[in-house]
């Protein structure tokens, strides 16, 4: 129930802000999308600030840390063909 009341309160607050700014509701598509982008950024901001104050890398819900370069195994080189005596065969060409 708290979630519904909080959602209603935030909706009323946004409606008041829209009225103060002079944006009609429902907002034009660009304004609405920018508003949604702002909501997403605002949702991530408190955690990012907390992490930055702790000296940690802010994750922003995307990546926990910069990815380390993958370690690749050394490539294998095929052995040279020999005539059995340890010396490579002689080719004439």
PDB file of N, CA and C in Angstrom:
ATOM      1  N   UNK A   1       0.823  -1.193   0.000  1.00  0.00           N
ATOM      2  CA  UNK A   1       0.000   0.000   0.000  1.00  0.00           C
ATOM      3  C   UNK A   1       0.869   1.260   0.000  1.00  0.00           C
ATOM      4  N   UNK A   2       2.010   1.189   0.722  1.00  0.00           N
ATOM      5  CA  UNK A   2       2.904   2.348   0.763  1.00  0.00           C
ATOM      6  C   UNK A   2       3.399   2.712  -0.633  1.00  0.00           C
ATOM      7  N   UNK A   3       3.681   1.675  -1.436  1.00  0.00           N
ATOM      8  CA  UNK A   3       4.186   1.894  -2.784  1.00  0.00           C
ATOM      9  C   UNK A   3       3.177   2.682  -3.614  1.00  0.00           C
ATOM     10  N   UNK A   4       1.895   2.341  -3.489  1.00  0.00           N
ATOM     11  CA  UNK A   4       0.853   3.036  -4.250  1.00  0.00           C
ATOM     12  C   UNK A   4       0.725   4.487  -3.812  1.00  0.00           C
ATOM     13  N   UNK A   5       0.781   4.724  -2.506  1.00  0.00           N
ATOM     14  CA  UNK A   5       0.679   6.097  -2.005  1.00  0.00           C
ATOM     15  C   UNK A   5       1.899   6.928  -2.414  1.00  0.00           C
ATOM     16  N   UNK A   6       3.075   6.303  -2.359  1.00  0.00           N
ATOM     17  CA  UNK A   6       4.289   7.014  -2.781  1.00  0.00           C
ATOM     18  C   UNK A   6       4.221   7.337  -4.265  1.00  0.00           C
ATOM     19  N   UNK A   7       3.736   6.390  -5.068  1.00  0.00           N
ATOM     20  CA  UNK A   7       3.609   6.622  -6.504  1.00  0.00           C
ATOM     21  C   UNK A   7       2.623   7.751  -6.785  1.00  0.00           C
ATOM     22  N   UNK A   8       1.506   7.767  -6.074  1.00  0.00           N
ATOM     23  CA  UNK A   8       0.523   8.837  -6.247  1.00  0.00           C
ATOM     24  C   UNK A   8       1.120  10.185  -5.850  1.00  0.00           C
ATOM     25  N   UNK A   9       1.860  10.231  -4.742  1.00  0.00           N
ATOM     26  CA  UNK A   9       2.459  11.488  -4.279  1.00  0.00           C
ATOM     27  C   UNK A   9       3.473  12.016  -5.282  1.00  0.00           C
ATOM     28  N   UNK A  10       4.295  11.133  -5.817  1.00  0.00           N
ATOM     29  CA  UNK A  10       5.289  11.555  -6.808  1.00  0.00           C
ATOM     30  C   UNK A  10       4.586  12.009  -8.081  1.00  0.00           C
ATOM     31  N   UNK A  11       3.533  11.323  -8.468  1.00  0.00           N
ATOM     32  CA  UNK A  11       2.765  11.738  -9.641  1.00  0.00           C
ATOM     33  C   UNK A  11       2.168  13.120  -9.478  1.00  0.00           C
ATOM     34  N   UNK A  12       1.640  13.409  -8.296  1.00  0.00           N
ATOM     35  CA  UNK A  12       1.093  14.745  -8.033  1.00  0.00           C
ATOM     36  C   UNK A  12       2.211  15.779  -8.085  1.00  0.00           C
ATOM     37  N   UNK A  13       3.359  15.456  -7.509  1.00  0.00           N
ATOM     38  CA  UNK A  13       4.499  16.378  -7.541  1.00  0.00           C
ATOM     39  C   UNK A  13       4.937  16.668  -8.976  1.00  0.00           C
ATOM     40  N   UNK A  14       5.010  15.641  -9.799  1.00  0.00           N
ATOM     41  CA  UNK A  14       5.396  15.834 -11.199  1.00  0.00           C
ATOM     42  C   UNK A  14       4.340  16.666 -11.918  1.00  0.00           C
ATOM     43  N   UNK A  15       3.077  16.432 -11.619  1.00  0.00           N
ATOM     44  CA  UNK A  15       2.012  17.236 -12.219  1.00  0.00           C
ATOM     45  C   UNK A  15       2.137  18.703 -11.865  1.00  0.00           C
ATOM     46  N   UNK A  16       2.477  18.979 -10.615  1.00  0.00           N
ATOM     47  CA  UNK A  16       2.675  20.371 -10.181  1.00  0.00           C
ATOM     48  C   UNK A  16       3.882  20.978 -10.906  1.00  0.00           C
ATOM     49  N   UNK A  17       4.970  20.202 -11.035  1.00  0.00           N
ATOM     50  CA  UNK A  17       6.146  20.703 -11.745  1.00  0.00           C
ATOM     51  C   UNK A  17       5.822  20.978 -13.206  1.00  0.00           C
ATOM     52  N   UNK A  18       5.058  20.082 -13.848  1.00  0.00           N
ATOM     53  CA  UNK A  18       4.638  20.308 -15.231  1.00  0.00           C
ATOM     54  C   UNK A  18       3.858  21.613 -15.348  1.00  0.00           C
ATOM     55  N   UNK A  19       2.964  21.855 -14.399  1.00  0.00           N
ATOM     56  CA  UNK A  19       2.158  23.075 -14.437  1.00  0.00           C
ATOM     57  C   UNK A  19       3.033  24.313 -14.256  1.00  0.00           C
ATOM     58  N   UNK A  20       4.017  24.239 -13.357  1.00  0.00           N
ATOM     59  CA  UNK A  20       4.901  25.384 -13.119  1.00  0.00           C
ATOM     60  C   UNK A  20       5.774  25.680 -14.329  1.00  0.00           C
ATOM     61  N   UNK A  21       6.225  24.637 -15.014  1.00  0.00           N
ATOM     62  CA  UNK A  21       7.093  24.806 -16.174  1.00  0.00           C
ATOM     63  C   UNK A  21       6.280  25.170 -17.408  1.00  0.00           C
ATOM     64  N   UNK A  22       5.010  24.831 -17.412  1.00  0.00           N
ATOM     65  CA  UNK A  22       4.155  25.161 -18.539  1.00  0.00           C
ATOM     66  C   UNK A  22       4.093  24.080 -19.593  1.00  0.00           C
ATOM     67  N   UNK A  23       4.383  22.837 -19.219  1.00  0.00           N
ATOM     68  CA  UNK A  23       4.313  21.719 -20.151  1.00  0.00           C
ATOM     69  C   UNK A  23       2.924  21.111 -20.027  1.00  0.00           C
ATOM     70  N   UNK A  24       2.279  20.916 -21.170  1.00  0.00           N
ATOM     71  CA  UNK A  24       0.954  20.308 -21.116  1.00  0.00           C
ATOM     72  C   UNK A  24       1.081  18.811 -20.843  1.00  0.00           C
ATOM     73  N   UNK A  25       0.059  18.246 -20.292  1.00  0.00           N
ATOM     74  CA  UNK A  25       0.074  16.819 -19.991  1.00  0.00           C
ATOM     75  C   UNK A  25      -1.056  16.143 -20.743  1.00  0.00           C
ATOM     76  N   UNK A  26      -0.867  15.071 -21.442  1.00  0.00           N
ATOM     77  CA  UNK A  26       0.395  14.350 -21.548  1.00  0.00           C
ATOM     78  C   UNK A  26       1.415  15.145 -22.350  1.00  0.00           C
ATOM     79  N   UNK A  27       2.655  14.976 -21.958  1.00  0.00           N
ATOM     80  CA  UNK A  27       3.740  15.749 -22.563  1.00  0.00           C
ATOM     81  C   UNK A  27       3.985  15.302 -24.003  1.00  0.00           C
ATOM     82  N   UNK A  28       4.522  16.199 -24.822  1.00  0.00           N
ATOM     83  CA  UNK A  28       4.940  15.790 -26.168  1.00  0.00           C
ATOM     84  C   UNK A  28       5.980  14.663 -26.061  1.00  0.00           C
ATOM     85  N   UNK A  29       6.093  13.815 -27.083  1.00  0.00           N
ATOM     86  CA  UNK A  29       6.966  12.634 -26.987  1.00  0.00           C
ATOM     87  C   UNK A  29       8.406  12.929 -26.576  1.00  0.00           C
ATOM     88  N   UNK A  30       9.003  13.976 -27.115  1.00  0.00           N
ATOM     89  CA  UNK A  30      10.408  14.268 -26.777  1.00  0.00           C
ATOM     90  C   UNK A  30      10.518  14.664 -25.312  1.00  0.00           C
ATOM     91  N   UNK A  31       9.595  15.489 -24.847  1.00  0.00           N
ATOM     92  CA  UNK A  31       9.618  15.919 -23.445  1.00  0.00           C
ATOM     93  C   UNK A  31       9.384  14.717 -22.530  1.00  0.00           C
ATOM     94  N   UNK A  32       8.451  13.853 -22.908  1.00  0.00           N
ATOM     95  CA  UNK A  32       8.171  12.677 -22.092  1.00  0.00           C
ATOM     96  C   UNK A  32       9.382  11.746 -22.032  1.00  0.00           C
ATOM     97  N   UNK A  33      10.056  11.526 -23.160  1.00  0.00           N
ATOM     98  CA  UNK A  33      11.228  10.651 -23.163  1.00  0.00           C
ATOM     99  C   UNK A  33      12.376  11.241 -22.349  1.00  0.00           C
ATOM    100  N   UNK A  34      12.567  12.551 -22.452  1.00  0.00           N
ATOM    101  CA  UNK A  34      13.606  13.183 -21.638  1.00  0.00           C
ATOM    102  C   UNK A  34      13.260  13.092 -20.152  1.00  0.00           C
ATOM    103  N   UNK A  35      11.980  13.196 -19.844  1.00  0.00           N
ATOM    104  CA  UNK A  35      11.550  13.027 -18.456  1.00  0.00           C
ATOM    105  C   UNK A  35      11.826  11.626 -17.948  1.00  0.00           C
ATOM    106  N   UNK A  36      11.549  10.620 -18.785  1.00  0.00           N
ATOM    107  CA  UNK A  36      11.844   9.241 -18.392  1.00  0.00           C
ATOM    108  C   UNK A  36      13.340   9.021 -18.220  1.00  0.00           C
ATOM    109  N   UNK A  37      14.145   9.604 -19.107  1.00  0.00           N
ATOM    110  CA  UNK A  37      15.596   9.497 -18.975  1.00  0.00           C
ATOM    111  C   UNK A  37      16.067  10.129 -17.665  1.00  0.00           C
ATOM    112  N   UNK A  38      15.493  11.276 -17.339  1.00  0.00           N
ATOM    113  CA  UNK A  38      15.825  11.928 -16.070  1.00  0.00           C
ATOM    114  C   UNK A  38      15.422  11.086 -14.879  1.00  0.00           C
ATOM    115  N   UNK A  39      14.282  10.422 -14.976  1.00  0.00           N
ATOM    116  CA  UNK A  39      13.844   9.547 -13.882  1.00  0.00           C
ATOM    117  C   UNK A  39      14.813   8.390 -13.697  1.00  0.00           C
ATOM    118  N   UNK A  40      15.258   7.797 -14.801  1.00  0.00           N
ATOM    119  CA  UNK A  40      16.212   6.685 -14.709  1.00  0.00           C
ATOM    120  C   UNK A  40      17.541   7.145 -14.118  1.00  0.00           C
ATOM    121  N   UNK A  41      18.006   8.300 -14.548  1.00  0.00           N
ATOM    122  CA  UNK A  41      19.270   8.833 -14.011  1.00  0.00           C
ATOM    123  C   UNK A  41      19.119   9.151 -12.529  1.00  0.00           C
ATOM    124  N   UNK A  42      17.989   9.760 -12.178  1.00  0.00           N
ATOM    125  CA  UNK A  42      17.760  10.098 -10.769  1.00  0.00           C
ATOM    126  C   UNK A  42      17.642   8.872  -9.888  1.00  0.00           C
ATOM    127  N   UNK A  43      17.152   7.791 -10.452  1.00  0.00           N
ATOM    128  CA  UNK A  43      17.027   6.547  -9.691  1.00  0.00           C
ATOM    129  C   UNK A  43      18.395   5.961  -9.368  1.00  0.00           C
ATOM    130  N   UNK A  44      19.350   6.138 -10.270  1.00  0.00           N
ATOM    131  CA  UNK A  44      20.693   5.583 -10.082  1.00  0.00           C
ATOM    132  C   UNK A  44      21.614   6.512  -9.288  1.00  0.00           C
ATOM    133  N   UNK A  45      21.297   7.777  -9.237  1.00  0.00           N
ATOM    134  CA  UNK A  45      22.195   8.775  -8.660  1.00  0.00           C
ATOM    135  C   UNK A  45      22.532   8.548  -7.184  1.00  0.00           C
ATOM    136  N   UNK A  46      21.573   8.271  -6.296  1.00  0.00           N
ATOM    137  CA  UNK A  46      21.949   8.089  -4.879  1.00  0.00           C
ATOM    138  C   UNK A  46      22.962   6.975  -4.657  1.00  0.00           C
ATOM    139  N   UNK A  47      22.782   5.822  -5.328  1.00  0.00           N
ATOM    140  CA  UNK A  47      23.742   4.733  -5.171  1.00  0.00           C
ATOM    141  C   UNK A  47      25.111   5.106  -5.715  1.00  0.00           C
ATOM    142  N   UNK A  48      25.139   5.807  -6.845  1.00  0.00           N
ATOM    143  CA  UNK A  48      26.422   6.218  -7.433  1.00  0.00           C
ATOM    144  C   UNK A  48      27.160   7.175  -6.503  1.00  0.00           C
ATOM    145  N   UNK A  49      26.438   8.094  -5.885  1.00  0.00           N
ATOM    146  CA  UNK A  49      27.077   9.043  -4.958  1.00  0.00           C
ATOM    147  C   UNK A  49      27.608   8.301  -3.743  1.00  0.00           C
ATOM    148  N   UNK A  50      26.819   7.355  -3.207  1.00  0.00           N
ATOM    149  CA  UNK A  50      27.279   6.575  -2.057  1.00  0.00           C
ATOM    150  C   UNK A  50      28.551   5.802  -2.391  1.00  0.00           C
ATOM    151  N   UNK A  51      28.570   5.165  -3.549  1.00  0.00           N
ATOM    152  CA  UNK A  51      29.749   4.395  -3.945  1.00  0.00           C
ATOM    153  C   UNK A  51      30.951   5.299  -4.163  1.00  0.00           C
ATOM    154  N   UNK A  52      30.741   6.464  -4.762  1.00  0.00           N
ATOM    155  CA  UNK A  52      31.852   7.393  -5.001  1.00  0.00           C
ATOM    156  C   UNK A  52      32.413   7.908  -3.681  1.00  0.00           C
ATOM    157  N   UNK A  53      31.540   8.157  -2.709  1.00  0.00           N
ATOM    158  CA  UNK A  53      32.015   8.629  -1.402  1.00  0.00           C
ATOM    159  C   UNK A  53      32.802   7.558  -0.662  1.00  0.00           C
ATOM    160  N   UNK A  54      32.522   6.294  -0.936  1.00  0.00           N
ATOM    161  CA  UNK A  54      33.280   5.187  -0.344  1.00  0.00           C
ATOM    162  C   UNK A  54      34.596   4.951  -1.079  1.00  0.00           C
ATOM    163  N   UNK A  55      34.793   5.637  -2.200  1.00  0.00           N
ATOM    164  CA  UNK A  55      35.999   5.448  -2.986  1.00  0.00           C
ATOM    165  C   UNK A  55      35.891   4.286  -3.955  1.00  0.00           C
ATOM    166  N   UNK A  56      34.673   3.792  -4.173  1.00  0.00           N
ATOM    167  CA  UNK A  56      34.469   2.675  -5.101  1.00  0.00           C
ATOM    168  C   UNK A  56      34.099   3.214  -6.471  1.00  0.00           C
ATOM    169  N   UNK A  57      34.215   2.356  -7.462  1.00  0.00           N
ATOM    170  CA  UNK A  57      33.819   2.698  -8.830  1.00  0.00           C
ATOM    171  C   UNK A  57      32.295   2.649  -8.903  1.00  0.00           C
ATOM    172  N   UNK A  58      31.618   3.767  -9.237  1.00  0.00           N
ATOM    173  CA  UNK A  58      30.151   3.718  -9.329  1.00  0.00           C
ATOM    174  C   UNK A  58      29.698   2.777 -10.435  1.00  0.00           C
ATOM    175  N   UNK A  59      28.765   1.858 -10.114  1.00  0.00           N
ATOM    176  CA  UNK A  59      28.330   0.874 -11.090  1.00  0.00           C
ATOM    177  C   UNK A  59      27.165   1.357 -11.933  1.00  0.00           C
ATOM    178  N   UNK A  60      26.308   2.190 -11.393  1.00  0.00           N
ATOM    179  CA  UNK A  60      25.134   2.699 -12.098  1.00  0.00           C
ATOM    180  C   UNK A  60      24.255   1.580 -12.631  1.00  0.00           C
ATOM    181  N   UNK A  61      24.312   0.427 -12.017  1.00  0.00           N
ATOM    182  CA  UNK A  61      23.454  -0.683 -12.411  1.00  0.00           C
ATOM    183  C   UNK A  61      23.788  -1.276 -13.771  1.00  0.00           C
ATOM    184  N   UNK A  62      24.962  -0.951 -14.293  1.00  0.00           N
ATOM    185  CA  UNK A  62      25.303  -1.419 -15.631  1.00  0.00           C
ATOM    186  C   UNK A  62      26.446  -2.427 -15.555  1.00  0.00           C
ATOM    187  N   UNK A  63      27.604  -1.982 -15.116  1.00  0.00           N
ATOM    188  CA  UNK A  63      28.796  -2.822 -15.058  1.00  0.00           C
ATOM    189  C   UNK A  63      29.417  -2.616 -13.695  1.00  0.00           C
ATOM    190  N   UNK A  64      29.870  -3.681 -13.071  1.00  0.00           N
ATOM    191  CA  UNK A  64      30.427  -3.546 -11.734  1.00  0.00           C
ATOM    192  C   UNK A  64      31.817  -2.913 -11.744  1.00  0.00           C
ATOM    193  N   UNK A  65      32.634  -3.239 -12.687  1.00  0.00           N
ATOM    194  CA  UNK A  65      33.984  -2.667 -12.814  1.00  0.00           C
ATOM    195  C   UNK A  65      34.367  -2.692 -14.288  1.00  0.00           C
ATOM    196  N   UNK A  66      35.346  -1.871 -14.666  1.00  0.00           N
ATOM    197  CA  UNK A  66      35.807  -1.956 -16.052  1.00  0.00           C
ATOM    198  C   UNK A  66      36.320  -3.363 -16.332  1.00  0.00           C
ATOM    199  N   UNK A  67      35.990  -3.878 -17.464  1.00  0.00           N
ATOM    200  CA  UNK A  67      36.370  -5.244 -17.810  1.00  0.00           C
ATOM    201  C   UNK A  67      37.881  -5.350 -18.004  1.00  0.00           C
ATOM    202  N   UNK A  68      38.445  -6.404 -17.452  1.00  0.00           N
ATOM    203  CA  UNK A  68      39.871  -6.657 -17.638  1.00  0.00           C
ATOM    204  C   UNK A  68      40.065  -7.317 -18.999  1.00  0.00           C
ATOM    205  N   UNK A  69      41.215  -7.079 -19.559  1.00  0.00           N
ATOM    206  CA  UNK A  69      41.519  -7.684 -20.861  1.00  0.00           C
ATOM    207  C   UNK A  69      41.582  -9.199 -20.692  1.00  0.00           C
ATOM    208  N   UNK A  70      40.940  -9.923 -21.581  1.00  0.00           N
ATOM    209  CA  UNK A  70      40.974 -11.383 -21.451  1.00  0.00           C
ATOM    210  C   UNK A  70      42.383 -11.906 -21.682  1.00  0.00           C
ATOM    211  N   UNK A  71      42.712 -12.945 -20.957  1.00  0.00           N
ATOM    212  CA  UNK A  71      44.033 -13.553 -21.138  1.00  0.00           C
ATOM    213  C   UNK A  71      43.901 -14.641 -22.184  1.00  0.00           C
ATOM    214  N   UNK A  72      44.723 -14.551 -23.186  1.00  0.00           N
ATOM    215  CA  UNK A  72      44.675 -15.522 -24.279  1.00  0.00           C
ATOM    216  C   UNK A  72      45.821 -16.506 -24.112  1.00  0.00           C
ATOM    217  N   UNK A  73      45.566 -17.747 -24.441  1.00  0.00           N
ATOM    218  CA  UNK A  73      46.622 -18.759 -24.411  1.00  0.00           C
ATOM    219  C   UNK A  73      47.585 -18.485 -25.551  1.00  0.00           C
ATOM    220  N   UNK A  74      48.839 -18.837 -25.325  1.00  0.00           N
ATOM    221  CA  UNK A  74      49.843 -18.648 -26.371  1.00  0.00           C
ATOM    222  C   UNK A  74      49.486 -19.527 -27.562  1.00  0.00           C
ATOM    223  N   UNK A  75      49.604 -18.985 -28.752  1.00  0.00           N
ATOM    224  CA  UNK A  75      49.254 -19.803 -29.918  1.00  0.00           C
ATOM    225  C   UNK A  75      50.231 -20.963 -30.066  1.00  0.00           C
ATOM    226  N   UNK A  76      49.716 -22.064 -30.521  1.00  0.00           N
ATOM    227  CA  UNK A  76      50.579 -23.228 -30.726  1.00  0.00           C
ATOM    228  C   UNK A  76      51.140 -23.183 -32.139  1.00  0.00           C
ATOM    229  N   UNK A  77      52.419 -23.508 -32.247  1.00  0.00           N
ATOM    230  CA  UNK A  77      53.091 -23.515 -33.540  1.00  0.00           C
ATOM    231  C   UNK A  77      53.272 -24.969 -33.940  1.00  0.00           C
ATOM    232  N   UNK A  78      52.814 -25.326 -35.126  1.00  0.00           N
ATOM    233  CA  UNK A  78      52.983 -26.731 -35.524  1.00  0.00           C
ATOM    234  C   UNK A  78      54.458 -27.092 -35.627  1.00  0.00           C
ATOM    235  N   UNK A  79      54.762 -28.327 -35.232  1.00  0.00           N
ATOM    236  CA  UNK A  79      56.148 -28.797 -35.290  1.00  0.00           C
ATOM    237  C   UNK A  79      56.583 -28.938 -36.733  1.00  0.00           C
ATOM    238  N   UNK A  80      57.869 -28.670 -36.968  1.00  0.00           N
ATOM    239  CA  UNK A  80      58.397 -28.807 -38.328  1.00  0.00           C
ATOM    240  C   UNK A  80      58.508 -30.283 -38.680  1.00  0.00           C
ATOM    241  N   UNK A  81      58.240 -30.563 -39.909  1.00  0.00           N
ATOM    242  CA  UNK A  81      58.371 -31.946 -40.364  1.00  0.00           C
ATOM    243  C   UNK A  81      59.851 -32.305 -40.451  1.00  0.00           C
ATOM    244  N   UNK A  82      60.180 -33.464 -39.989  1.00  0.00           N
ATOM    245  CA  UNK A  82      61.583 -33.923 -40.057  1.00  0.00           C
ATOM    246  C   UNK A  82      61.633 -35.279 -40.748  1.00  0.00           C
ATOM    247  N   UNK A  83      62.837 -35.675 -41.121  1.00  0.00           N
ATOM    248  CA  UNK A  83      62.989 -36.987 -41.771  1.00  0.00           C
ATOM    249  C   UNK A  83      63.248 -38.082 -40.750  1.00  0.00           C
ATOM    250  N   UNK A  84      63.046 -37.792 -39.494  1.00  0.00           N
ATOM    251  CA  UNK A  84      63.255 -38.770 -38.450  1.00  0.00           C
ATOM    252  C   UNK A  84      64.601 -38.620 -37.762  1.00  0.00           C
ATOM    253  N   UNK A  85      65.526 -37.947 -38.387  1.00  0.00           N
ATOM    254  CA  UNK A  85      66.833 -37.777 -37.811  1.00  0.00           C
ATOM    255  C   UNK A  85      66.995 -36.447 -37.104  1.00  0.00           C
ATOM    256  N   UNK A  86      65.942 -35.697 -36.993  1.00  0.00           N
ATOM    257  CA  UNK A  86      66.012 -34.435 -36.310  1.00  0.00           C
ATOM    258  C   UNK A  86      66.314 -33.265 -37.191  1.00  0.00           C
ATOM    259  N   UNK A  87      66.565 -33.499 -38.475  1.00  0.00           N
ATOM    260  CA  UNK A  87      66.824 -32.387 -39.401  1.00  0.00           C
ATOM    261  C   UNK A  87      65.661 -32.247 -40.354  1.00  0.00           C
ATOM    262  N   UNK A  88      65.317 -31.046 -40.709  1.00  0.00           N
ATOM    263  CA  UNK A  88      64.197 -30.878 -41.624  1.00  0.00           C
ATOM    264  C   UNK A  88      64.551 -31.433 -42.999  1.00  0.00           C
ATOM    265  N   UNK A  89      63.563 -31.936 -43.731  1.00  0.00           N
ATOM    266  CA  UNK A  89      63.835 -32.489 -45.061  1.00  0.00           C
ATOM    267  C   UNK A  89      64.279 -31.384 -46.020  1.00  0.00           C
ATOM    268  N   UNK A  90      65.085 -31.755 -46.952  1.00  0.00           N
ATOM    269  CA  UNK A  90      65.577 -30.824 -47.962  1.00  0.00           C
ATOM    270  C   UNK A  90      64.572 -30.783 -49.096  1.00  0.00           C
ATOM    271  N   UNK A  91      64.180 -29.617 -49.477  1.00  0.00           N
ATOM    272  CA  UNK A  91      63.252 -29.491 -50.613  1.00  0.00           C
ATOM    273  C   UNK A  91      63.969 -28.764 -51.730  1.00  0.00           C
ATOM    274  N   UNK A  92      63.763 -29.241 -52.910  1.00  0.00           N
ATOM    275  CA  UNK A  92      64.357 -28.594 -54.067  1.00  0.00           C
ATOM    276  C   UNK A  92      63.256 -27.917 -54.846  1.00  0.00           C
ATOM    277  N   UNK A  93      63.454 -26.732 -55.186  1.00  0.00           N
ATOM    278  CA  UNK A  93      62.366 -26.119 -55.879  1.00  0.00           C
ATOM    279  C   UNK A  93      62.682 -25.059 -56.777  1.00  0.00           C
TER     280      UNK A  93
END
